[in-house]
Amino acid sequence: DFPIHLGYDETLDSAWPDGFITRMSGDLTTVIASTYIGTEGSDRVTDIAIDNTGMVVAVGQGGYGFPVTEGAYTWSGSTPVGGGFVATFSPDLSTLVASAVVTPSGYPWKVALGNGGVYFGGSTNSPDFPITEGAYLTTCCPVGSFGIREYDGFAGKLSSDLSTLEAMTYLGGQTVSGIAVSPDGSVFISDGWDYAITGYLARFDSGLTTRPAHLSYYPGSSSGSSRTYFNDVAAGDGYVVATGQTYMND
């Protein structure tokens, strides 16, 4: 009995959760439109953005059989369990304009629009991602205790129509907690994970091939990294704003 109304998909597929997107009036009194998106598996929407035409761009986790639209990118031609998706909806949520499956496992937590495309990022322990030529980091996820691979962050970029994977790279760290595109085209990415020892804030070029700047903890502190990590980032014209958590006493 979730308040689905005039949406692309008005049926909950099974006992497993579906993702949802809801458009409300500015005073939060009225549901203008609301839609499910998902499969008979476990699905979720983790982040959204709105472009200058009002189109809604969503990212998240898709179960097996997630709807991939004709001409959209898909990493292998089929949707695995737990793969990541990027999808665009009409402003009124009545139409799934495009939907792409971008990762075989792990899924995007964050999305940002800029440089003529859609940037996304998250966390994975899969060494089989579709890494693009010239990517900043091409390998990931070293084998740790009990033969279990460790988690690394990843980031990618799709064309605005979701047809082409223009960039995909591993990042190191643990997960992408924020992405922002600055007016000069730089892509800022923050890394943060609960109980992490440290995180980072980094600036990448628009193609995710180089990392001109990187901050792993606040400079000048005598506390070292001291459980400092970032939870989000926003980019302005010549500056960035970041937020997170720290145990530093200075």
Protein backbone atom coordinates (compact mmCIF):
# COMPACT_ATOMS: atom_id res chain seq x y z
CA ASP A 1 0.00 0.00 0.00
CA PHE A 2 2.91 2.36 -0.70
CA PRO A 3 1.45 5.53 -2.28
CA ILE A 4 2.23 4.71 -5.93
CA HIS A 5 0.43 7.09 -8.30
CA LEU A 6 0.66 7.70 -12.06
CA GLY A 7 4.08 6.07 -12.18
CA TYR A 8 5.96 3.95 -14.66
CA ASP A 9 5.45 0.82 -12.51
CA GLU A 10 2.61 0.55 -10.01
CA THR A 11 3.06 -3.10 -8.98
CA LEU A 12 5.31 -4.45 -6.23
CA ASP A 13 6.86 -7.51 -7.86
CA SER A 14 7.25 -9.83 -4.86
CA ALA A 15 7.95 -10.02 -1.16
CA TRP A 16 11.42 -8.64 -1.87
CA PRO A 17 11.86 -4.86 -1.78
CA ASP A 18 11.57 -2.63 -4.83
CA GLY A 19 13.12 0.77 -5.28
CA PHE A 20 10.81 3.76 -5.47
CA ILE A 21 10.89 7.36 -6.65
CA THR A 22 8.30 9.88 -5.47
CA ARG A 23 7.61 13.41 -6.67
CA MET A 24 5.87 15.65 -4.15
CA SER A 25 4.67 19.21 -3.97
CA GLY A 26 7.12 21.68 -2.46
CA ASP A 27 5.13 21.88 0.77
CA LEU A 28 5.14 18.05 1.03
CA THR A 29 1.34 17.84 1.25
CA THR A 30 0.69 16.11 -2.09
CA VAL A 31 2.09 13.09 -3.91
CA ILE A 32 2.19 14.25 -7.52
CA ALA A 33 3.59 11.00 -8.90
CA SER A 34 5.27 7.91 -7.50
CA THR A 35 6.69 4.77 -9.07
CA TYR A 36 8.31 1.48 -8.18
CA ILE A 37 11.35 0.28 -10.07
CA GLY A 38 12.66 -3.23 -9.67
CA THR A 39 12.39 -6.96 -10.21
CA GLU A 40 11.29 -10.02 -8.28
CA GLY A 41 14.61 -9.80 -6.43
CA SER A 42 16.01 -7.16 -4.09
CA ASP A 43 16.16 -3.65 -5.58
CA ARG A 44 16.87 -0.21 -4.19
CA VAL A 45 17.36 3.37 -5.33
CA THR A 46 20.32 4.94 -3.53
CA ASP A 47 20.61 8.42 -5.08
CA ILE A 48 18.93 10.72 -7.61
CA ALA A 49 19.69 13.86 -9.59
CA ILE A 50 17.58 16.13 -11.80
CA ASP A 51 18.88 17.56 -15.08
CA ASN A 52 18.04 20.95 -16.58
CA THR A 53 15.00 19.52 -18.40
CA GLY A 54 13.52 18.02 -15.24
CA MET A 55 14.54 14.46 -16.13
CA VAL A 56 15.12 12.31 -13.05
CA VAL A 57 18.31 10.24 -12.98
CA ALA A 58 18.43 7.40 -10.46
CA VAL A 59 21.10 4.88 -9.44
CA GLY A 60 21.00 1.80 -7.24
CA GLN A 61 20.92 -1.97 -7.02
CA GLY A 62 18.98 -4.12 -9.47
CA GLY A 63 18.03 -7.78 -9.16
CA TYR A 64 18.14 -10.42 -11.88
CA GLY A 65 16.16 -9.36 -14.94
CA PHE A 66 16.37 -5.63 -14.24
CA PRO A 67 14.77 -3.76 -17.18
CA VAL A 68 17.43 -2.62 -19.65
CA THR A 69 15.99 -0.40 -22.37
CA GLU A 70 16.83 -0.82 -26.04
CA GLY A 71 20.15 0.77 -26.94
CA ALA A 72 21.23 1.28 -23.32
CA TYR A 73 24.57 0.02 -22.06
CA THR A 74 24.67 -3.33 -20.30
CA TRP A 75 27.89 -4.84 -19.06
CA SER A 76 27.24 -8.37 -20.30
CA GLY A 77 23.85 -8.51 -21.99
CA SER A 78 22.14 -9.85 -18.87
CA THR A 79 21.49 -8.52 -15.39
CA PRO A 80 23.16 -10.37 -12.53
CA VAL A 81 21.82 -10.51 -9.01
CA GLY A 82 22.98 -7.42 -7.16
CA GLY A 83 24.20 -5.52 -10.22
CA GLY A 84 24.20 -1.74 -10.36
CA PHE A 85 21.89 0.34 -12.52
CA VAL A 86 21.52 3.88 -13.83
CA ALA A 87 18.05 4.91 -15.04
CA THR A 88 16.37 8.07 -16.31
CA PHE A 89 12.69 8.92 -15.92
CA SER A 90 10.46 11.57 -17.44
CA PRO A 91 9.80 14.47 -15.03
CA ASP A 92 6.31 13.12 -14.26
CA LEU A 93 7.76 9.60 -13.57
CA SER A 94 5.35 8.01 -16.06
CA THR A 95 8.07 6.84 -18.47
CA LEU A 96 11.29 4.92 -18.01
CA VAL A 97 13.29 6.79 -20.64
CA ALA A 98 16.48 4.73 -20.39
CA SER A 99 17.92 2.13 -18.06
CA ALA A 100 21.41 0.63 -18.07
CA VAL A 101 23.16 -2.04 -16.03
CA VAL A 102 26.65 -0.76 -15.26
CA THR A 103 28.26 -3.24 -12.85
CA PRO A 104 28.23 -7.01 -12.40
CA SER A 105 28.25 -6.74 -8.61
CA GLY A 106 28.34 -3.89 -6.18
CA TYR A 107 26.23 -0.92 -7.14
CA PRO A 108 26.35 2.88 -7.25
CA TRP A 109 25.64 4.80 -4.08
CA LYS A 110 26.02 8.27 -5.59
CA VAL A 111 25.24 10.04 -8.86
CA ALA A 112 26.19 13.44 -10.31
CA LEU A 113 25.52 15.07 -13.67
CA GLY A 114 28.07 17.01 -15.71
CA ASN A 115 30.43 17.07 -18.69
CA GLY A 116 27.64 15.77 -20.92
CA GLY A 117 27.09 12.59 -18.97
CA VAL A 118 26.15 10.78 -15.78
CA TYR A 119 28.80 10.02 -13.13
CA PHE A 120 28.22 7.29 -10.56
CA GLY A 121 30.22 5.53 -7.90
CA GLY A 122 30.07 2.97 -5.12
CA SER A 123 31.87 0.00 -3.62
CA THR A 124 32.72 -3.49 -4.89
CA ASN A 125 34.90 -6.51 -4.23
CA SER A 126 34.66 -7.74 -7.83
CA PRO A 127 37.83 -7.76 -9.98
CA ASP A 128 35.71 -8.15 -13.14
CA PHE A 129 34.40 -4.63 -13.73
CA PRO A 130 34.33 -3.24 -17.29
CA ILE A 131 37.30 -0.93 -16.72
CA THR A 132 37.85 1.44 -19.65
CA GLU A 133 41.12 2.14 -21.45
CA GLY A 134 43.31 4.69 -19.68
CA ALA A 135 41.43 4.39 -16.40
CA TYR A 136 43.07 5.82 -13.29
CA LEU A 137 43.23 2.40 -11.59
CA THR A 138 42.66 -0.89 -13.41
CA THR A 139 42.92 -3.46 -10.60
CA CYS A 140 41.18 -3.80 -7.26
CA CYS A 141 40.14 -5.86 -4.34
CA PRO A 142 43.17 -7.74 -2.97
CA VAL A 143 42.44 -11.07 -1.31
CA GLY A 144 42.31 -10.67 2.46
CA SER A 145 41.58 -12.94 5.41
CA PHE A 146 39.97 -16.32 4.70
CA GLY A 147 40.40 -15.72 0.97
CA ILE A 148 37.76 -12.98 0.90
CA ARG A 149 38.41 -10.03 -1.39
CA GLU A 150 38.53 -6.58 0.18
CA TYR A 151 36.21 -3.80 -0.97
CA ASP A 152 37.37 -0.90 -3.15
CA GLY A 153 35.60 2.16 -4.44
CA PHE A 154 34.73 2.53 -8.11
CA ALA A 155 33.46 5.33 -10.33
CA GLY A 156 32.17 5.52 -13.87
CA LYS A 157 30.56 7.77 -16.45
CA LEU A 158 27.77 7.04 -18.92
CA SER A 159 26.74 9.21 -21.84
CA SER A 160 23.62 11.25 -21.09
CA ASP A 161 21.44 8.84 -23.11
CA LEU A 162 22.95 5.90 -21.15
CA SER A 163 24.07 4.18 -24.35
CA THR A 164 27.84 4.35 -23.87
CA LEU A 165 30.14 3.62 -20.96
CA GLU A 166 32.60 6.48 -21.36
CA ALA A 167 34.69 5.78 -18.26
CA MET A 168 35.04 3.21 -15.50
CA THR A 169 37.81 2.99 -12.93
CA TYR A 170 38.63 1.49 -9.57
CA LEU A 171 39.58 4.06 -6.94
CA GLY A 172 41.10 2.27 -3.98
CA GLY A 173 39.71 3.35 -0.65
CA GLN A 174 36.51 1.61 0.38
CA THR A 175 33.47 3.30 -1.14
CA VAL A 176 32.33 6.44 -2.94
CA SER A 177 30.39 8.55 -0.47
CA GLY A 178 29.98 11.58 -2.72
CA ILE A 179 30.52 12.82 -6.29
CA ALA A 180 30.38 16.39 -7.54
CA VAL A 181 31.26 17.97 -10.88
CA SER A 182 32.74 21.48 -10.72
CA PRO A 183 32.16 24.24 -13.30
CA ASP A 184 35.63 23.59 -14.78
CA GLY A 185 34.74 19.94 -15.42
CA SER A 186 36.77 18.43 -12.60
CA VAL A 187 35.17 15.50 -10.78
CA PHE A 188 35.47 15.49 -6.99
CA ILE A 189 34.98 12.18 -5.19
CA SER A 190 34.83 11.53 -1.45
CA ASP A 191 35.47 8.21 0.26
CA GLY A 192 33.95 7.21 3.57
CA TRP A 193 32.87 4.08 5.39
CA ASP A 194 31.60 3.53 8.92
CA TYR A 195 34.43 2.32 11.17
CA ALA A 196 37.02 3.13 8.51
CA ILE A 197 40.44 4.22 9.71
CA THR A 198 40.55 6.99 7.14
CA GLY A 199 38.93 8.22 3.96
CA TYR A 200 39.93 10.59 1.21
CA LEU A 201 38.84 13.52 -0.90
CA ALA A 202 40.15 13.52 -4.47
CA ARG A 203 39.93 15.52 -7.67
CA PHE A 204 39.88 13.68 -11.01
CA ASP A 205 39.84 14.81 -14.61
CA SER A 206 36.55 14.51 -16.51
CA GLY A 207 37.54 11.13 -17.99
CA LEU A 208 38.54 9.59 -14.63
CA THR A 209 42.04 8.88 -15.95
CA THR A 210 44.17 11.11 -13.70
CA ARG A 211 44.00 12.28 -10.08
CA PRO A 212 45.58 15.76 -9.88
CA ALA A 213 44.80 16.23 -6.19
CA HIS A 214 44.26 13.94 -3.22
CA LEU A 215 43.69 14.53 0.50
CA SER A 216 43.72 11.52 2.82
CA TYR A 217 43.38 13.42 6.08
CA TYR A 218 43.31 17.00 7.26
CA PRO A 219 46.81 18.44 6.73
CA GLY A 220 48.80 19.70 9.67
CA SER A 221 47.06 17.59 12.28
CA SER A 222 49.17 15.89 14.91
CA SER A 223 46.39 13.28 15.24
CA GLY A 224 47.17 11.66 11.89
CA SER A 225 44.26 10.02 10.10
CA SER A 226 42.52 9.18 13.39
CA ARG A 227 39.28 7.75 12.02
CA THR A 228 38.63 10.65 9.67
CA TYR A 229 36.52 10.03 6.60
CA PHE A 230 34.20 11.91 4.28
CA ASN A 231 30.46 11.41 3.79
CA ASP A 232 29.73 13.83 0.93
CA VAL A 233 31.18 16.56 -1.28
CA ALA A 234 29.79 19.52 -3.21
CA ALA A 235 31.71 21.56 -5.79
CA GLY A 236 31.57 25.30 -6.44
CA ASP A 237 33.47 27.55 -8.80
CA GLY A 238 37.05 27.15 -7.61
CA TYR A 239 36.24 25.51 -4.28
CA VAL A 240 34.71 22.38 -2.74
CA VAL A 241 32.77 21.72 0.45
CA ALA A 242 33.13 18.36 2.19
CA THR A 243 31.58 16.83 5.28
CA GLY A 244 32.21 13.70 7.33
CA GLN A 245 33.38 12.39 10.68
CA THR A 246 36.61 12.69 12.65
CA TYR A 247 38.16 11.71 15.96
CA MET A 248 40.88 14.37 15.62
CA ASN A 249 41.30 16.44 18.77
CA ASP A 250 42.82 19.39 16.86
